[in-house]
C-alpha atoms as a PDB file:
ATOM      1  CA  MET A   1       0.000   0.000   0.000  1.00  0.00           C
ATOM      2  CA  THR A   2       1.311   3.472  -0.834  1.00  0.00           C
ATOM      3  CA  PRO A   3       1.862   5.586   2.326  1.00  0.00           C
ATOM      4  CA  PRO A   4      -0.186   8.806   2.666  1.00  0.00           C
ATOM      5  CA  PRO A   5       1.535  12.220   2.299  1.00  0.00           C
ATOM      6  CA  GLY A   6       3.706  13.269   5.223  1.00  0.00           C
ATOM      7  CA  TRP A   7       7.207  13.777   6.626  1.00  0.00           C
ATOM      8  CA  TYR A   8       9.348  10.630   6.825  1.00  0.00           C
ATOM      9  CA  ARG A   9      12.992   9.757   7.342  1.00  0.00           C
ATOM     10  CA  ASP A  10      14.859  10.352   4.060  1.00  0.00           C
ATOM     11  CA  PRO A  11      16.103   6.936   2.762  1.00  0.00           C
ATOM     12  CA  SER A  12      19.149   8.614   1.202  1.00  0.00           C
ATOM     13  CA  ALA A  13      19.947  10.769   4.274  1.00  0.00           C
ATOM     14  CA  PRO A  14      18.437   9.282   7.450  1.00  0.00           C
ATOM     15  CA  HIS A  15      19.515  12.283   9.566  1.00  0.00           C
ATOM     16  CA  VAL A  16      16.841  14.461   7.943  1.00  0.00           C
ATOM     17  CA  GLU A  17      13.153  14.137   7.124  1.00  0.00           C
ATOM     18  CA  ARG A  18      11.745  14.422   3.587  1.00  0.00           C
ATOM     19  CA  TRP A  19       8.240  15.128   2.292  1.00  0.00           C
ATOM     20  CA  TRP A  20       6.425  12.192   0.651  1.00  0.00           C
ATOM     21  CA  ASP A  21       3.495  13.517  -1.479  1.00  0.00           C
ATOM     22  CA  GLY A  22       1.696  10.178  -1.599  1.00  0.00           C
ATOM     23  CA  THR A  23       3.351   8.963  -4.818  1.00  0.00           C
ATOM     24  CA  ALA A  24       6.950  10.282  -4.849  1.00  0.00           C
ATOM     25  CA  TRP A  25       9.575  12.059  -2.749  1.00  0.00           C
ATOM     26  CA  THR A  26       9.712  15.853  -3.223  1.00  0.00           C
ATOM     27  CA  ASP A  27      12.775  18.113  -2.764  1.00  0.00           C
ATOM     28  CA  HIS A  28      11.541  19.430   0.620  1.00  0.00           C
ATOM     29  CA  ARG A  29      13.648  18.365   3.627  1.00  0.00           C
ATOM     30  CA  ARG A  30      13.818  19.342   7.284  1.00  0.00           C
ATOM     31  CA  ALA A  31      15.515  18.394  10.527  1.00  0.00           C
ATOM     32  CA  PRO A  32      13.890  15.540  12.469  1.00  0.00           C
ATOM     33  CA  GLN A  33      11.181  17.047  14.637  1.00  0.00           C
ATOM     34  CA  ALA A  34      11.249  16.579  18.386  1.00  0.00           C
ATOM     35  CA  PRO A  35       7.883  15.460  19.756  1.00  0.00           C
ATOM     36  CA  VAL A  36       5.916  18.454  21.022  1.00  0.00           C
ATOM     37  CA  PRO A  37       4.463  17.978  24.528  1.00  0.00           C
ATOM     38  CA  PRO A  38       0.677  18.175  24.412  1.00  0.00           C
ATOM     39  CA  THR A  39      -0.866  21.282  25.914  1.00  0.00           C
ATOM     40  CA  PRO A  40      -2.220  20.370  29.376  1.00  0.00           C
ATOM     41  CA  ALA A  41      -5.972  20.552  29.551  1.00  0.00           C
ATOM     42  CA  PRO A  42      -7.332  22.696  32.403  1.00  0.00           C
ATOM     43  CA  PHE A  43      -8.412  20.635  35.361  1.00  0.00           C
ATOM     44  CA  ALA A  44     -11.903  20.877  36.697  1.00  0.00           C
ATOM     45  CA  PRO A  45     -12.356  22.750  40.009  1.00  0.00           C
ATOM     46  CA  HIS A  46     -11.248  20.815  43.072  1.00  0.00           C
ATOM     47  CA  GLN A  47      -9.680  18.016  40.830  1.00  0.00           C
ATOM     48  CA  ALA A  48      -5.990  17.170  41.301  1.00  0.00           C
ATOM     49  CA  GLY A  49      -3.650  16.728  38.333  1.00  0.00           C
ATOM     50  CA  PRO A  50      -1.384  13.687  37.977  1.00  0.00           C
ATOM     51  CA  GLY A  51       1.073  13.557  40.829  1.00  0.00           C
ATOM     52  CA  GLN A  52      -0.251  16.741  42.406  1.00  0.00           C
ATOM     53  CA  PRO A  53      -2.020  17.187  45.688  1.00  0.00           C
ATOM     54  CA  ALA A  54      -5.630  18.133  45.585  1.00  0.00           C
ATOM     55  CA  GLY A  55      -6.266  21.844  45.726  1.00  0.00           C
ATOM     56  CA  PRO A  56      -8.157  24.648  44.069  1.00  0.00           C
ATOM     57  CA  ARG A  57      -8.333  24.104  40.250  1.00  0.00           C
ATOM     58  CA  GLY A  58      -6.096  21.007  40.385  1.00  0.00           C
ATOM     59  CA  GLY A  59      -2.581  22.442  40.831  1.00  0.00           C
ATOM     60  CA  SER A  60      -0.259  25.380  40.543  1.00  0.00           C
ATOM     61  CA  GLY A  61      -0.921  27.985  37.835  1.00  0.00           C
ATOM     62  CA  ARG A  62       2.821  28.732  37.756  1.00  0.00           C
ATOM     63  CA  ALA A  63       3.608  25.079  36.904  1.00  0.00           C
ATOM     64  CA  ARG A  64       1.186  25.153  33.990  1.00  0.00           C
ATOM     65  CA  ALA A  65       2.675  28.409  32.751  1.00  0.00           C
ATOM     66  CA  VAL A  66       6.211  26.974  32.842  1.00  0.00           C
ATOM     67  CA  ALA A  67       5.076  23.856  30.893  1.00  0.00           C
ATOM     68  CA  LEU A  68       3.386  25.958  28.251  1.00  0.00           C
ATOM     69  CA  THR A  69       6.451  28.196  27.899  1.00  0.00           C
ATOM     70  CA  VAL A  70       8.789  25.218  27.434  1.00  0.00           C
ATOM     71  CA  ALA A  71       6.472  23.614  24.866  1.00  0.00           C
ATOM     72  CA  GLY A  72       6.262  26.849  22.919  1.00  0.00           C
ATOM     73  CA  ALA A  73      10.038  27.219  22.852  1.00  0.00           C
ATOM     74  CA  VAL A  74      10.529  23.667  21.560  1.00  0.00           C
ATOM     75  CA  LEU A  75       7.924  24.171  18.828  1.00  0.00           C
ATOM     76  CA  ALA A  76       9.414  27.508  17.743  1.00  0.00           C
ATOM     77  CA  GLY A  77      12.920  26.041  17.589  1.00  0.00           C
ATOM     78  CA  ALA A  78      11.755  23.065  15.521  1.00  0.00           C
ATOM     79  CA  ILE A  79       9.896  25.286  13.053  1.00  0.00           C
ATOM     80  CA  GLY A  80      12.919  27.570  12.706  1.00  0.00           C
ATOM     81  CA  THR A  81      15.289  24.655  12.075  1.00  0.00           C
ATOM     82  CA  GLY A  82      12.985  23.134   9.471  1.00  0.00           C
ATOM     83  CA  ALA A  83      12.595  26.432   7.634  1.00  0.00           C
ATOM     84  CA  PHE A  84      16.379  26.922   7.633  1.00  0.00           C
ATOM     85  CA  LEU A  85      16.997  23.489   6.100  1.00  0.00           C
ATOM     86  CA  LEU A  86      14.312  23.994   3.466  1.00  0.00           C
ATOM     87  CA  GLY A  87      15.826  27.337   2.570  1.00  0.00           C
ATOM     88  CA  ARG A  88      19.236  25.680   2.056  1.00  0.00           C
ATOM     89  CA  ASP A  89      17.907  22.897  -0.191  1.00  0.00           C
ATOM     90  CA  ASP A  90      19.196  22.593  -3.784  1.00  0.00           C
ATOM     91  CA  GLY A  91      22.662  23.964  -3.287  1.00  0.00           C
ATOM     92  CA  GLY A  92      22.084  25.976  -0.121  1.00  0.00           C
ATOM     93  CA  ASP A  93      20.911  29.192  -1.767  1.00  0.00           C
ATOM     94  CA  GLY A  94      19.821  31.362   1.113  1.00  0.00           C
ATOM     95  CA  GLY A  95      18.280  34.002  -1.126  1.00  0.00           C
ATOM     96  CA  THR A  96      14.898  34.368  -2.743  1.00  0.00           C
ATOM     97  CA  GLY A  97      14.724  30.784  -4.007  1.00  0.00           C
ATOM     98  CA  GLY A  98      15.184  29.350  -0.513  1.00  0.00           C
ATOM     99  CA  GLY A  99      12.538  31.661   0.915  1.00  0.00           C
ATOM    100  CA  THR A 100      10.048  30.570  -1.729  1.00  0.00           C
ATOM    101  CA  ARG A 101      10.595  26.910  -1.000  1.00  0.00           C
ATOM    102  CA  ALA A 102      10.218  27.451   2.740  1.00  0.00           C
ATOM    103  CA  ALA A 103       6.963  29.332   2.203  1.00  0.00           C
ATOM    104  CA  THR A 104       5.493  26.670  -0.077  1.00  0.00           C
ATOM    105  CA  ALA A 105       6.688  23.560   1.819  1.00  0.00           C
ATOM    106  CA  PRO A 106       3.889  21.243   2.957  1.00  0.00           C
ATOM    107  CA  ALA A 107       2.601  21.840   6.442  1.00  0.00           C
ATOM    108  CA  THR A 108       3.868  19.543   9.197  1.00  0.00           C
ATOM    109  CA  GLY A 109       1.563  16.772  10.330  1.00  0.00           C
ATOM    110  CA  THR A 110       0.646  16.080  13.911  1.00  0.00           C
ATOM    111  CA  SER A 111       1.721  12.423  13.777  1.00  0.00           C
ATOM    112  CA  ALA A 112       3.378  10.011  11.356  1.00  0.00           C
ATOM    113  CA  PRO A 113       1.130   7.475   9.605  1.00  0.00           C
ATOM    114  CA  PRO A 114       1.527   3.889  10.816  1.00  0.00           C
ATOM    115  CA  ILE A 115       2.573   2.725   7.315  1.00  0.00           C
ATOM    116  CA  THR A 116       6.309   2.777   6.604  1.00  0.00           C
ATOM    117  CA  PRO A 117       7.178   4.619   3.348  1.00  0.00           C
ATOM    118  CA  PRO A 118       9.355   3.020   0.647  1.00  0.00           C
ATOM    119  CA  THR A 119      12.972   2.400   1.602  1.00  0.00           C
ATOM    120  CA  SER A 120      14.247   3.713  -1.743  1.00  0.00           C
ATOM    121  CA  VAL A 121      13.483   6.955  -3.509  1.00  0.00           C
ATOM    122  CA  PRO A 122      10.668   6.378  -6.034  1.00  0.00           C
ATOM    123  CA  PRO A 123      11.496   7.348  -9.627  1.00  0.00           C
ATOM    124  CA  SER A 124      10.558  10.904 -10.541  1.00  0.00           C
ATOM    125  CA  SER A 125      10.208  10.211 -14.248  1.00  0.00           C
ATOM    126  CA  VAL A 126       6.809   9.828 -15.851  1.00  0.00           C
ATOM    127  CA  PRO A 127       5.902   6.134 -15.949  1.00  0.00           C
ATOM    128  CA  PRO A 128       6.007   4.578 -19.425  1.00  0.00           C
ATOM    129  CA  PRO A 129       2.702   3.934 -21.163  1.00  0.00           C
ATOM    130  CA  ALA A 130       1.154   0.493 -21.009  1.00  0.00           C
ATOM    131  CA  ASP A 131       2.664  -2.096 -23.310  1.00  0.00           C
ATOM    132  CA  ASP A 132       1.305  -2.072 -26.824  1.00  0.00           C
ATOM    133  CA  PRO A 133       0.286  -5.698 -27.489  1.00  0.00           C
ATOM    134  CA  ALA A 134       1.456  -5.355 -31.097  1.00  0.00           C
ATOM    135  CA  VAL A 135       5.070  -4.361 -30.386  1.00  0.00           C
ATOM    136  CA  VAL A 136       8.052  -5.209 -28.201  1.00  0.00           C
ATOM    137  CA  VAL A 137       9.928  -2.239 -26.736  1.00  0.00           C
ATOM    138  CA  ASP A 138      13.714  -2.187 -26.335  1.00  0.00           C
ATOM    139  CA  GLN A 139      14.148   0.975 -24.251  1.00  0.00           C
ATOM    140  CA  LEU A 140      17.926   0.602 -23.966  1.00  0.00           C
ATOM    141  CA  ASN A 141      18.447   0.792 -27.732  1.00  0.00           C
ATOM    142  CA  GLY A 142      15.465   3.073 -28.365  1.00  0.00           C
ATOM    143  CA  ILE A 143      13.528   0.807 -30.744  1.00  0.00           C
ATOM    144  CA  THR A 144      10.290  -1.137 -31.015  1.00  0.00           C
ATOM    145  CA  LEU A 145       9.844  -4.374 -32.940  1.00  0.00           C
ATOM    146  CA  PRO A 146       6.550  -5.743 -34.279  1.00  0.00           C
ATOM    147  CA  LEU A 147       5.294  -8.742 -32.314  1.00  0.00           C
ATOM    148  CA  PRO A 148       3.869 -11.327 -34.748  1.00  0.00           C
ATOM    149  CA  ASP A 149       0.754 -13.324 -33.946  1.00  0.00           C
ATOM    150  CA  GLY A 150       1.636 -16.424 -31.968  1.00  0.00           C
ATOM    151  CA  TRP A 151       4.893 -14.912 -30.659  1.00  0.00           C
ATOM    152  CA  ILE A 152       5.536 -13.983 -27.039  1.00  0.00           C
ATOM    153  CA  ARG A 153       7.787 -11.773 -24.950  1.00  0.00           C
ATOM    154  CA  PRO A 154      10.269 -13.801 -22.871  1.00  0.00           C
ATOM    155  CA  ARG A 155       9.213 -14.649 -19.332  1.00  0.00           C
ATOM    156  CA  GLU A 156      12.421 -16.335 -18.246  1.00  0.00           C
ATOM    157  CA  ALA A 157      15.370 -16.543 -20.620  1.00  0.00           C
ATOM    158  CA  ALA A 158      18.995 -17.559 -20.206  1.00  0.00           C
ATOM    159  CA  ASP A 159      19.962 -14.957 -22.817  1.00  0.00           C
ATOM    160  CA  PRO A 160      19.183 -11.384 -21.635  1.00  0.00           C
ATOM    161  CA  ASP A 161      19.176 -10.147 -25.260  1.00  0.00           C
ATOM    162  CA  LEU A 162      16.139 -12.252 -26.205  1.00  0.00           C
ATOM    163  CA  VAL A 163      13.198  -9.913 -26.884  1.00  0.00           C
ATOM    164  CA  MET A 164      10.620 -12.328 -28.355  1.00  0.00           C
ATOM    165  CA  SER A 165      10.126 -15.893 -29.534  1.00  0.00           C
ATOM    166  CA  THR A 166       7.539 -18.266 -30.920  1.00  0.00           C
ATOM    167  CA  ASP A 167       5.195 -19.657 -28.309  1.00  0.00           C
ATOM    168  CA  GLY A 168       5.713 -23.273 -27.287  1.00  0.00           C
ATOM    169  CA  THR A 169       8.789 -25.505 -27.307  1.00  0.00           C
ATOM    170  CA  TYR A 170       9.887 -28.828 -28.755  1.00  0.00           C
ATOM    171  CA  ASP A 171      12.570 -31.386 -27.930  1.00  0.00           C
ATOM    172  CA  CYS A 172      15.832 -30.397 -29.608  1.00  0.00           C
ATOM    173  CA  PRO A 173      16.970 -33.039 -32.136  1.00  0.00           C
ATOM    174  CA  GLY A 174      20.540 -33.026 -30.769  1.00  0.00           C
ATOM    175  CA  ASP A 175      21.583 -32.673 -27.132  1.00  0.00           C
ATOM    176  CA  PRO A 176      18.718 -32.946 -24.642  1.00  0.00           C
ATOM    177  CA  GLY A 177      16.867 -29.681 -24.123  1.00  0.00           C
ATOM    178  CA  LEU A 178      13.978 -27.580 -25.360  1.00  0.00           C
ATOM    179  CA  CYS A 179      14.112 -25.536 -28.561  1.00  0.00           C
ATOM    180  CA  ARG A 180      11.890 -22.841 -30.110  1.00  0.00           C
ATOM    181  CA  HIS A 181      11.152 -22.430 -33.816  1.00  0.00           C
ATOM    182  CA  GLY A 182      11.798 -18.678 -33.893  1.00  0.00           C
ATOM    183  CA  ARG A 183      13.743 -16.172 -31.787  1.00  0.00           C
ATOM    184  CA  VAL A 184      14.709 -12.493 -32.045  1.00  0.00           C
ATOM    185  CA  PHE A 185      17.492 -10.811 -30.069  1.00  0.00           C
ATOM    186  CA  SER A 186      18.415  -7.133 -29.673  1.00  0.00           C
ATOM    187  CA  ARG A 187      21.645  -5.840 -28.160  1.00  0.00           C
ATOM    188  CA  THR A 188      24.066  -2.934 -28.180  1.00  0.00           C
ATOM    189  CA  ALA A 189      27.229  -3.772 -30.118  1.00  0.00           C
ATOM    190  CA  THR A 190      30.260  -3.477 -27.842  1.00  0.00           C
ATOM    191  CA  ALA A 191      33.923  -4.520 -27.943  1.00  0.00           C
ATOM    192  CA  THR A 192      34.106  -4.496 -31.727  1.00  0.00           C
ATOM    193  CA  ASP A 193      36.482  -2.963 -34.232  1.00  0.00           C
ATOM    194  CA  ALA A 194      33.784  -2.673 -36.890  1.00  0.00           C
ATOM    195  CA  THR A 195      33.093   0.961 -37.753  1.00  0.00           C
ATOM    196  CA  THR A 196      30.212   0.586 -40.227  1.00  0.00           C
ATOM    197  CA  PRO A 197      26.910  -1.329 -40.150  1.00  0.00           C
ATOM    198  CA  LYS A 198      28.121  -3.419 -43.104  1.00  0.00           C
ATOM    199  CA  ALA A 199      31.338  -4.463 -41.364  1.00  0.00           C
ATOM    200  CA  LEU A 200      29.481  -5.130 -38.121  1.00  0.00           C
ATOM    201  CA  ALA A 201      26.795  -7.334 -39.688  1.00  0.00           C
ATOM    202  CA  GLU A 202      29.338  -9.288 -41.738  1.00  0.00           C
ATOM    203  CA  SER A 203      31.483 -10.001 -38.668  1.00  0.00           C
ATOM    204  CA  ASP A 204      28.493 -10.823 -36.423  1.00  0.00           C
ATOM    205  CA  ILE A 205      26.617 -13.309 -38.611  1.00  0.00           C
ATOM    206  CA  ALA A 206      28.985 -16.199 -37.826  1.00  0.00           C
ATOM    207  CA  THR A 207      28.412 -15.642 -34.095  1.00  0.00           C
ATOM    208  CA  VAL A 208      24.643 -15.719 -34.605  1.00  0.00           C
ATOM    209  CA  ALA A 209      24.824 -18.975 -36.574  1.00  0.00           C
ATOM    210  CA  GLY A 210      27.211 -20.590 -34.113  1.00  0.00           C
ATOM    211  CA  GLU A 211      25.197 -19.788 -30.971  1.00  0.00           C
ATOM    212  CA  ALA A 212      21.872 -20.744 -32.583  1.00  0.00           C
ATOM    213  CA  TYR A 213      22.743 -23.952 -34.458  1.00  0.00           C
ATOM    214  CA  ASP A 214      26.238 -25.101 -33.483  1.00  0.00           C
ATOM    215  CA  GLU A 215      27.044 -24.763 -29.771  1.00  0.00           C
ATOM    216  CA  ASP A 216      24.997 -22.613 -27.413  1.00  0.00           C
ATOM    217  CA  ARG A 217      26.238 -20.586 -24.434  1.00  0.00           C
ATOM    218  CA  LEU A 218      25.840 -23.601 -22.134  1.00  0.00           C
ATOM    219  CA  GLY A 219      28.107 -25.771 -24.274  1.00  0.00           C
ATOM    220  CA  ARG A 220      25.283 -27.897 -25.688  1.00  0.00           C
ATOM    221  CA  ARG A 221      24.705 -28.832 -29.331  1.00  0.00           C
ATOM    222  CA  PRO A 222      20.914 -28.793 -29.696  1.00  0.00           C
ATOM    223  CA  PHE A 223      21.149 -29.610 -33.433  1.00  0.00           C
ATOM    224  CA  GLY A 224      24.225 -31.818 -33.333  1.00  0.00           C
ATOM    225  CA  GLY A 225      26.475 -29.086 -34.719  1.00  0.00           C
ATOM    226  CA  LEU A 226      26.688 -26.782 -37.731  1.00  0.00           C
ATOM    227  CA  VAL A 227      27.594 -28.471 -41.035  1.00  0.00           C
ATOM    228  CA  SER A 228      27.579 -25.668 -43.607  1.00  0.00           C
ATOM    229  CA  HIS A 229      26.056 -22.342 -44.588  1.00  0.00           C
ATOM    230  CA  ARG A 230      25.359 -20.209 -47.624  1.00  0.00           C
ATOM    231  CA  VAL A 231      24.555 -16.512 -47.974  1.00  0.00           C
ATOM    232  CA  VAL A 232      20.959 -15.971 -49.119  1.00  0.00           C
ATOM    233  CA  GLY A 233      20.774 -12.215 -48.709  1.00  0.00           C
ATOM    234  CA  SER A 234      22.709  -9.101 -47.746  1.00  0.00           C
ATOM    235  CA  GLY A 235      22.584  -5.375 -48.369  1.00  0.00           C
ATOM    236  CA  GLN A 236      21.810  -1.899 -47.138  1.00  0.00           C
ATOM    237  CA  ILE A 237      18.434  -1.208 -45.537  1.00  0.00           C
ATOM    238  CA  ALA A 238      16.821   1.644 -43.608  1.00  0.00           C
ATOM    239  CA  VAL A 239      16.093   0.696 -39.995  1.00  0.00           C
ATOM    240  CA  ALA A 240      14.259   3.112 -37.681  1.00  0.00           C
ATOM    241  CA  GLY A 241      15.130   5.920 -40.076  1.00  0.00           C
ATOM    242  CA  ARG A 242      18.839   5.040 -40.056  1.00  0.00           C
ATOM    243  CA  ALA A 243      20.998   3.440 -42.726  1.00  0.00           C
ATOM    244  CA  GLY A 244      21.673  -0.144 -41.701  1.00  0.00           C
ATOM    245  CA  TYR A 245      22.986  -3.356 -43.208  1.00  0.00           C
ATOM    246  CA  TYR A 246      21.849  -6.981 -42.996  1.00  0.00           C
ATOM    247  CA  VAL A 247      23.367 -10.396 -43.759  1.00  0.00           C
ATOM    248  CA  ARG A 248      21.272 -13.580 -43.923  1.00  0.00           C
ATOM    249  CA  TRP A 249      22.483 -17.198 -44.007  1.00  0.00           C
ATOM    250  CA  ARG A 250      20.807 -20.528 -44.618  1.00  0.00           C
ATOM    251  CA  VAL A 251      22.492 -23.053 -42.339  1.00  0.00           C
ATOM    252  CA  THR A 252      22.605 -26.844 -42.476  1.00  0.00           C
ATOM    253  CA  THR A 253      22.899 -28.805 -39.232  1.00  0.00           C
ATOM    254  CA  GLU A 254      23.904 -32.345 -38.317  1.00  0.00           C
ATOM    255  CA  LYS A 255      20.383 -33.046 -37.010  1.00  0.00           C
ATOM    256  CA  GLY A 256      17.088 -31.412 -37.823  1.00  0.00           C
ATOM    257  CA  PRO A 257      16.139 -29.223 -40.788  1.00  0.00           C
ATOM    258  CA  GLY A 258      18.617 -26.423 -40.060  1.00  0.00           C
ATOM    259  CA  GLY A 259      17.454 -22.842 -40.285  1.00  0.00           C
ATOM    260  CA  TYR A 260      17.930 -19.205 -41.284  1.00  0.00           C
ATOM    261  CA  VAL A 261      19.919 -16.628 -39.321  1.00  0.00           C
ATOM    262  CA  GLN A 262      20.205 -12.903 -39.882  1.00  0.00           C
ATOM    263  CA  SER A 263      22.374 -10.165 -38.382  1.00  0.00           C
ATOM    264  CA  LEU A 264      21.065  -6.609 -38.761  1.00  0.00           C
ATOM    265  CA  ALA A 265      23.260  -3.645 -37.749  1.00  0.00           C
ATOM    266  CA  PHE A 266      22.347   0.053 -37.593  1.00  0.00           C
ATOM    267  CA  PRO A 267      23.110   3.172 -35.500  1.00  0.00           C
ATOM    268  CA  SER A 268      20.852   3.772 -32.505  1.00  0.00           C
ATOM    269  CA  SER A 269      18.645   6.853 -32.587  1.00  0.00           C
ATOM    270  CA  VAL A 270      19.137   7.492 -28.845  1.00  0.00           C
ATOM    271  CA  GLY A 271      22.070   8.349 -26.603  1.00  0.00           C
ATOM    272  CA  THR A 272      25.457   8.309 -28.303  1.00  0.00           C
ATOM    273  CA  GLY A 273      24.131   6.517 -31.382  1.00  0.00           C
ATOM    274  CA  ALA A 274      26.045   3.333 -30.539  1.00  0.00           C
ATOM    275  CA  PRO A 275      25.472   0.547 -33.077  1.00  0.00           C
ATOM    276  CA  VAL A 276      22.612  -1.862 -32.470  1.00  0.00           C
ATOM    277  CA  LEU A 277      22.494  -5.517 -33.491  1.00  0.00           C
ATOM    278  CA  VAL A 278      19.175  -7.278 -34.069  1.00  0.00           C
ATOM    279  CA  ARG A 279      19.611 -11.025 -34.554  1.00  0.00           C
ATOM    280  CA  LEU A 280      16.889 -13.239 -36.028  1.00  0.00           C
ATOM    281  CA  VAL A 281      16.879 -17.041 -35.833  1.00  0.00           C
ATOM    282  CA  PHE A 282      14.218 -19.076 -37.702  1.00  0.00           C
ATOM    283  CA  ASP A 283      14.063 -22.871 -38.000  1.00  0.00           C
ATOM    284  CA  ALA A 284      13.722 -24.159 -41.558  1.00  0.00           C
ATOM    285  CA  GLY A 285      11.217 -26.827 -42.562  1.00  0.00           C
ATOM    286  CA  PRO A 286       7.431 -26.913 -42.338  1.00  0.00           C
ATOM    287  CA  ASP A 287       7.389 -26.139 -38.601  1.00  0.00           C
ATOM    288  CA  GLY A 288       9.573 -23.039 -38.843  1.00  0.00           C
ATOM    289  CA  PRO A 289       8.203 -19.489 -39.312  1.00  0.00           C
ATOM    290  CA  PRO A 290       7.860 -18.316 -42.923  1.00  0.00           C
ATOM    291  CA  LEU A 291      10.878 -16.426 -44.206  1.00  0.00           C
ATOM    292  CA  SER A 292       8.594 -13.521 -45.176  1.00  0.00           C
ATOM    293  CA  LEU A 293       8.052 -12.915 -41.467  1.00  0.00           C
ATOM    294  CA  MET A 294      11.771 -12.256 -41.050  1.00  0.00           C
ATOM    295  CA  ASP A 295      11.413  -9.533 -43.695  1.00  0.00           C
ATOM    296  CA  ARG A 296       8.369  -8.052 -41.952  1.00  0.00           C
ATOM    297  CA  ILE A 297      10.075  -7.883 -38.574  1.00  0.00           C
ATOM    298  CA  THR A 298      13.149  -6.303 -40.144  1.00  0.00           C
ATOM    299  CA  ARG A 299      11.152  -3.598 -41.902  1.00  0.00           C
ATOM    300  CA  GLY A 300       8.875  -3.016 -38.893  1.00  0.00           C
ATOM    301  CA  ILE A 301      11.589  -1.796 -36.507  1.00  0.00           C
ATOM    302  CA  ARG A 302      10.853   1.788 -35.392  1.00  0.00           C
ATOM    303  CA  PRO A 303      12.277   4.331 -32.935  1.00  0.00           C
ATOM    304  CA  VAL A 304      10.522   4.371 -29.560  1.00  0.00           C
ATOM    305  CA  GLY A 305       7.643   6.856 -29.687  1.00  0.00           C
ATOM    306  CA  ASP A 306       7.660   7.179 -33.484  1.00  0.00           C
ATOM    307  CA  ALA A 307       5.536   4.445 -35.015  1.00  0.00           C
ATOM    308  CA  ASP A 308       5.419   6.185 -38.407  1.00  0.00           C
ATOM    309  CA  THR A 309       9.163   6.393 -38.973  1.00  0.00           C
ATOM    310  CA  GLY A 310      10.335   4.450 -41.990  1.00  0.00           C
ATOM    311  CA  GLY A 311      12.376   5.008 -45.075  1.00  0.00           C
ATOM    312  CA  GLY A 312      15.621   6.881 -44.881  1.00  0.00           C
ATOM    313  CA  VAL A 313      18.840   6.019 -46.627  1.00  0.00           C
ATOM    314  CA  GLY A 314      18.444   2.673 -48.344  1.00  0.00           C
ATOM    315  CA  SER A 315      14.700   2.476 -47.752  1.00  0.00           C
ATOM    316  CA  SER A 316      14.197   0.816 -51.127  1.00  0.00           C
ATOM    317  CA  ILE A 317      16.907  -1.746 -50.503  1.00  0.00           C
ATOM    318  CA  GLY A 318      16.730  -4.744 -48.204  1.00  0.00           C
ATOM    319  CA  PRO A 319      15.198  -8.148 -47.650  1.00  0.00           C
ATOM    320  CA  GLY A 320      12.660  -9.106 -50.277  1.00  0.00           C
ATOM    321  CA  SER A 321      13.787  -6.427 -52.772  1.00  0.00           C
END
């Protein structure tokens, strides 16, 4: 349950309190407040106060005056300390900016809610929109990929780069294990000497084929090993409005029908524009996805937030052309 608005210990600086607005931490901070003694209620005539002898009006008027004076001093000191800290927030500017923040800070509550607030600072960014059921979003590389009918987003995957696959599994024809008929991976290209999408795709395609149909990352050979390959397509293509390059192989395996693998490289449209690699792996044979679907996924890649982007350099060149 989300805690109600109020002052709580700051998770990042436990020696101060910070305002929680009910959904996120704000920039308002203050010194921890000492508990303020409650104002004594007047006693009824001829009724003694706690620990006091019975007498007219329940005790000494001077004692009540001293208690009220002490309580007022504690409250004034706490308010002054809190206003000083709020005024020094965001770099300690003691000028007009600090005064404005102190004047607009939320009022102090009389008691803390019984619910403990989050132990970490909630994100201040606007939450992303709900997932579009027709696309898969790769926020890191700033792209979306069309999600074909019958394909799913990964729930648990040994490879963190896997972004979608065909639903359902089958027994691999080689080493024991479960295989899928179609998979798509997306990753940022790192630790490479390739400086162009063409060079990157041409150097990456062998890795794609090897991990998919020869020996996987766990050292297993789900298809008994890779026998041969032949190039069935390559060329320049526009991807998410950027000039990219693809290479596609048809591979033959020791067991099973083999398959098709493709490496697609292009500059990212976010951040530093680091190169992105999208790898597609389709089983061949009657149970594998149609090769036209590989073309559709390739051409359907878009920048995040721009579903209409297409074309660009090489838009008329690519798979199926």
